Amino acid sequence: MQDLGADAKTGLSASEAQARLQKYGANALEEKEESFTHKLVHAFMGPIEYMIEAAAIISAIIGHWDDFIIIMLLLIFNVTIDLWQSQKASSALVALKKGIAPKPTPYGTVSTKRSTLPPWCLATSSRSG
């Protein structure tokens, strides 16, 4: 706390919080929205995908077209599952941000109103309110 120039009981003054906000920016992660095309292209990249693609290419080179078709179907199935799981994770993150994420206050503290938290969060909260 001493290194940060803050008091453990009172935190930062409003003017100091504003000055640090101006100097360092908001205390938040930068959000990057990926396009579906970007996600699709990257779904075909990775060690497992490369092995499946290599198997498909080898099957095509040696003329085993039935194996090639089966391998390509497996690759497409794998990519579809990957994209579906990614979409579910993104949707869950958006829901969390809208629903139960604590809202920052102007002074750099976090509002923890118990009435907005689901019951399972109350047992883990160490703040009184």
C-alpha atoms as a PDB file:
ATOM      1  CA  MET A   1       0.000   0.000   0.000  1.00  0.00           C
ATOM      2  CA  GLN A   2       2.893   2.316   0.753  1.00  0.00           C
ATOM      3  CA  ASP A   3       4.418   1.752  -2.693  1.00  0.00           C
ATOM      4  CA  LEU A   4       1.075   2.620  -4.278  1.00  0.00           C
ATOM      5  CA  GLY A   5       0.623   5.732  -2.154  1.00  0.00           C
ATOM      6  CA  ALA A   6      -2.744   4.586  -0.868  1.00  0.00           C
ATOM      7  CA  ASP A   7      -4.301   4.169   2.550  1.00  0.00           C
ATOM      8  CA  ALA A   8      -5.600   0.673   3.352  1.00  0.00           C
ATOM      9  CA  LYS A   9      -8.700   1.987   5.122  1.00  0.00           C
ATOM     10  CA  THR A  10      -9.749   4.928   2.983  1.00  0.00           C
ATOM     11  CA  GLY A  11      -8.221   4.107  -0.403  1.00  0.00           C
ATOM     12  CA  LEU A  12      -7.407   6.913  -2.819  1.00  0.00           C
ATOM     13  CA  SER A  13      -8.871  10.381  -2.707  1.00  0.00           C
ATOM     14  CA  ALA A  14     -11.220  11.324  -5.529  1.00  0.00           C
ATOM     15  CA  SER A  15      -8.655  13.686  -7.037  1.00  0.00           C
ATOM     16  CA  GLU A  16      -5.876  11.052  -6.864  1.00  0.00           C
ATOM     17  CA  ALA A  17      -8.153   8.421  -8.427  1.00  0.00           C
ATOM     18  CA  GLN A  18      -9.023  10.839 -11.231  1.00  0.00           C
ATOM     19  CA  ALA A  19      -5.344  11.718 -11.770  1.00  0.00           C
ATOM     20  CA  ARG A  20      -4.380   8.041 -11.991  1.00  0.00           C
ATOM     21  CA  LEU A  21      -7.270   7.370 -14.343  1.00  0.00           C
ATOM     22  CA  GLN A  22      -5.976  10.112 -16.630  1.00  0.00           C
ATOM     23  CA  LYS A  23      -2.366   8.910 -16.369  1.00  0.00           C
ATOM     24  CA  TYR A  24      -2.821   5.113 -16.600  1.00  0.00           C
ATOM     25  CA  GLY A  25      -6.288   4.694 -18.097  1.00  0.00           C
ATOM     26  CA  ALA A  26      -9.138   2.522 -16.871  1.00  0.00           C
ATOM     27  CA  ASN A  27      -8.392  -0.619 -14.874  1.00  0.00           C
ATOM     28  CA  ALA A  28      -9.962  -2.929 -17.448  1.00  0.00           C
ATOM     29  CA  LEU A  29      -8.955  -5.553 -19.940  1.00  0.00           C
ATOM     30  CA  GLU A  30      -9.004  -4.471 -23.562  1.00  0.00           C
ATOM     31  CA  GLU A  31     -11.765  -6.285 -25.382  1.00  0.00           C
ATOM     32  CA  LYS A  32     -11.051  -7.540 -28.872  1.00  0.00           C
ATOM     33  CA  GLU A  33     -13.911  -8.808 -30.969  1.00  0.00           C
ATOM     34  CA  GLU A  34     -12.832 -11.414 -33.509  1.00  0.00           C
ATOM     35  CA  SER A  35     -14.772 -11.793 -36.719  1.00  0.00           C
ATOM     36  CA  PHE A  36     -16.321 -15.145 -37.581  1.00  0.00           C
ATOM     37  CA  THR A  37     -13.951 -15.449 -40.541  1.00  0.00           C
ATOM     38  CA  HIS A  38     -10.944 -15.000 -38.248  1.00  0.00           C
ATOM     39  CA  LYS A  39     -12.285 -17.628 -35.838  1.00  0.00           C
ATOM     40  CA  LEU A  40     -12.995 -20.004 -38.730  1.00  0.00           C
ATOM     41  CA  VAL A  41      -9.496 -19.679 -40.194  1.00  0.00           C
ATOM     42  CA  HIS A  42      -7.860 -20.190 -36.803  1.00  0.00           C
ATOM     43  CA  ALA A  43     -10.026 -23.233 -36.119  1.00  0.00           C
ATOM     44  CA  PHE A  44      -8.089 -25.015 -38.877  1.00  0.00           C
ATOM     45  CA  MET A  45      -4.772 -24.160 -37.215  1.00  0.00           C
ATOM     46  CA  GLY A  46      -3.241 -26.220 -34.450  1.00  0.00           C
ATOM     47  CA  PRO A  47      -1.382 -29.495 -33.933  1.00  0.00           C
ATOM     48  CA  ILE A  48      -4.431 -31.771 -34.122  1.00  0.00           C
ATOM     49  CA  GLU A  49      -5.862 -29.944 -37.108  1.00  0.00           C
ATOM     50  CA  TYR A  50      -2.481 -30.096 -38.885  1.00  0.00           C
ATOM     51  CA  MET A  51      -2.301 -33.868 -38.348  1.00  0.00           C
ATOM     52  CA  ILE A  52      -5.814 -34.358 -39.710  1.00  0.00           C
ATOM     53  CA  GLU A  53      -5.038 -32.125 -42.707  1.00  0.00           C
ATOM     54  CA  ALA A  54      -1.803 -34.038 -43.386  1.00  0.00           C
ATOM     55  CA  ALA A  55      -3.696 -37.338 -43.263  1.00  0.00           C
ATOM     56  CA  ALA A  56      -6.228 -35.981 -45.748  1.00  0.00           C
ATOM     57  CA  ILE A  57      -3.495 -34.783 -48.116  1.00  0.00           C
ATOM     58  CA  ILE A  58      -1.690 -38.135 -47.944  1.00  0.00           C
ATOM     59  CA  SER A  59      -4.954 -39.969 -48.635  1.00  0.00           C
ATOM     60  CA  ALA A  60      -5.556 -37.756 -51.676  1.00  0.00           C
ATOM     61  CA  ILE A  61      -1.999 -38.246 -52.967  1.00  0.00           C
ATOM     62  CA  ILE A  62      -2.226 -42.030 -52.807  1.00  0.00           C
ATOM     63  CA  GLY A  63      -5.714 -42.002 -54.300  1.00  0.00           C
ATOM     64  CA  HIS A  64      -7.739 -43.251 -51.309  1.00  0.00           C
ATOM     65  CA  TRP A  65     -10.655 -40.931 -51.926  1.00  0.00           C
ATOM     66  CA  ASP A  66     -13.019 -42.650 -49.527  1.00  0.00           C
ATOM     67  CA  ASP A  67     -10.489 -42.136 -46.703  1.00  0.00           C
ATOM     68  CA  PHE A  68      -9.977 -38.535 -47.851  1.00  0.00           C
ATOM     69  CA  ILE A  69     -13.715 -37.815 -47.616  1.00  0.00           C
ATOM     70  CA  ILE A  70     -14.011 -39.422 -44.159  1.00  0.00           C
ATOM     71  CA  ILE A  71     -10.975 -37.517 -42.857  1.00  0.00           C
ATOM     72  CA  MET A  72     -12.276 -34.225 -44.239  1.00  0.00           C
ATOM     73  CA  LEU A  73     -15.669 -34.852 -42.618  1.00  0.00           C
ATOM     74  CA  LEU A  74     -13.912 -35.459 -39.296  1.00  0.00           C
ATOM     75  CA  LEU A  75     -11.933 -32.249 -39.730  1.00  0.00           C
ATOM     76  CA  ILE A  76     -15.086 -30.258 -40.476  1.00  0.00           C
ATOM     77  CA  PHE A  77     -16.830 -31.872 -37.490  1.00  0.00           C
ATOM     78  CA  ASN A  78     -13.865 -30.967 -35.250  1.00  0.00           C
ATOM     79  CA  VAL A  79     -13.874 -27.352 -36.442  1.00  0.00           C
ATOM     80  CA  THR A  80     -17.657 -27.107 -36.008  1.00  0.00           C
ATOM     81  CA  ILE A  81     -17.429 -28.307 -32.400  1.00  0.00           C
ATOM     82  CA  ASP A  82     -14.567 -25.872 -31.732  1.00  0.00           C
ATOM     83  CA  LEU A  83     -16.519 -22.906 -33.125  1.00  0.00           C
ATOM     84  CA  TRP A  84     -19.666 -23.927 -31.226  1.00  0.00           C
ATOM     85  CA  GLN A  85     -17.780 -24.134 -27.913  1.00  0.00           C
ATOM     86  CA  SER A  86     -16.124 -20.793 -28.591  1.00  0.00           C
ATOM     87  CA  GLN A  87     -19.513 -19.196 -29.246  1.00  0.00           C
ATOM     88  CA  LYS A  88     -20.950 -20.676 -26.031  1.00  0.00           C
ATOM     89  CA  ALA A  89     -17.988 -19.344 -24.029  1.00  0.00           C
ATOM     90  CA  SER A  90     -18.387 -15.875 -25.571  1.00  0.00           C
ATOM     91  CA  SER A  91     -22.108 -15.865 -24.784  1.00  0.00           C
ATOM     92  CA  ALA A  92     -21.442 -16.918 -21.188  1.00  0.00           C
ATOM     93  CA  LEU A  93     -18.881 -14.134 -20.786  1.00  0.00           C
ATOM     94  CA  VAL A  94     -21.320 -11.533 -22.101  1.00  0.00           C
ATOM     95  CA  ALA A  95     -23.994 -12.820 -19.712  1.00  0.00           C
ATOM     96  CA  LEU A  96     -21.587 -12.608 -16.790  1.00  0.00           C
ATOM     97  CA  LYS A  97     -20.609  -9.062 -17.682  1.00  0.00           C
ATOM     98  CA  LYS A  98     -24.252  -8.009 -17.866  1.00  0.00           C
ATOM     99  CA  GLY A  99     -25.481  -9.888 -14.820  1.00  0.00           C
ATOM    100  CA  ILE A 100     -23.232 -10.453 -11.876  1.00  0.00           C
ATOM    101  CA  ALA A 101     -20.001  -8.603 -12.622  1.00  0.00           C
ATOM    102  CA  PRO A 102     -19.265  -5.985  -9.959  1.00  0.00           C
ATOM    103  CA  LYS A 103     -19.614  -2.433 -11.199  1.00  0.00           C
ATOM    104  CA  PRO A 104     -16.677  -0.043 -10.604  1.00  0.00           C
ATOM    105  CA  THR A 105     -17.325   3.211  -8.798  1.00  0.00           C
ATOM    106  CA  PRO A 106     -15.650   6.528  -9.647  1.00  0.00           C
ATOM    107  CA  TYR A 107     -13.165   6.161  -6.796  1.00  0.00           C
ATOM    108  CA  GLY A 108     -11.622   2.877  -7.924  1.00  0.00           C
ATOM    109  CA  THR A 109     -13.483   0.746  -5.402  1.00  0.00           C
ATOM    110  CA  VAL A 110     -15.894  -2.007  -6.306  1.00  0.00           C
ATOM    111  CA  SER A 111     -19.582  -1.976  -5.518  1.00  0.00           C
ATOM    112  CA  THR A 112     -20.682  -5.262  -3.987  1.00  0.00           C
ATOM    113  CA  LYS A 113     -24.405  -4.879  -3.419  1.00  0.00           C
ATOM    114  CA  ARG A 114     -25.525  -8.233  -2.111  1.00  0.00           C
ATOM    115  CA  SER A 115     -28.986  -7.914  -3.605  1.00  0.00           C
ATOM    116  CA  THR A 116     -27.565  -8.136  -7.150  1.00  0.00           C
ATOM    117  CA  LEU A 117     -25.451 -11.219  -6.494  1.00  0.00           C
ATOM    118  CA  PRO A 118     -26.808 -14.734  -6.911  1.00  0.00           C
ATOM    119  CA  PRO A 119     -27.083 -16.782  -3.685  1.00  0.00           C
ATOM    120  CA  TRP A 120     -24.053 -18.920  -4.500  1.00  0.00           C
ATOM    121  CA  CYS A 121     -21.850 -15.783  -4.546  1.00  0.00           C
ATOM    122  CA  LEU A 122     -22.901 -14.628  -1.107  1.00  0.00           C
ATOM    123  CA  ALA A 123     -21.104 -17.438   0.697  1.00  0.00           C
ATOM    124  CA  THR A 124     -17.793 -16.539  -0.975  1.00  0.00           C
ATOM    125  CA  SER A 125     -18.028 -12.780  -0.500  1.00  0.00           C
ATOM    126  CA  SER A 126     -15.677 -11.495   2.182  1.00  0.00           C
ATOM    127  CA  ARG A 127     -17.088  -7.942   2.157  1.00  0.00           C
ATOM    128  CA  SER A 128     -19.930  -6.861   4.348  1.00  0.00           C
ATOM    129  CA  GLY A 129     -21.702  -4.863   1.772  1.00  0.00           C
END
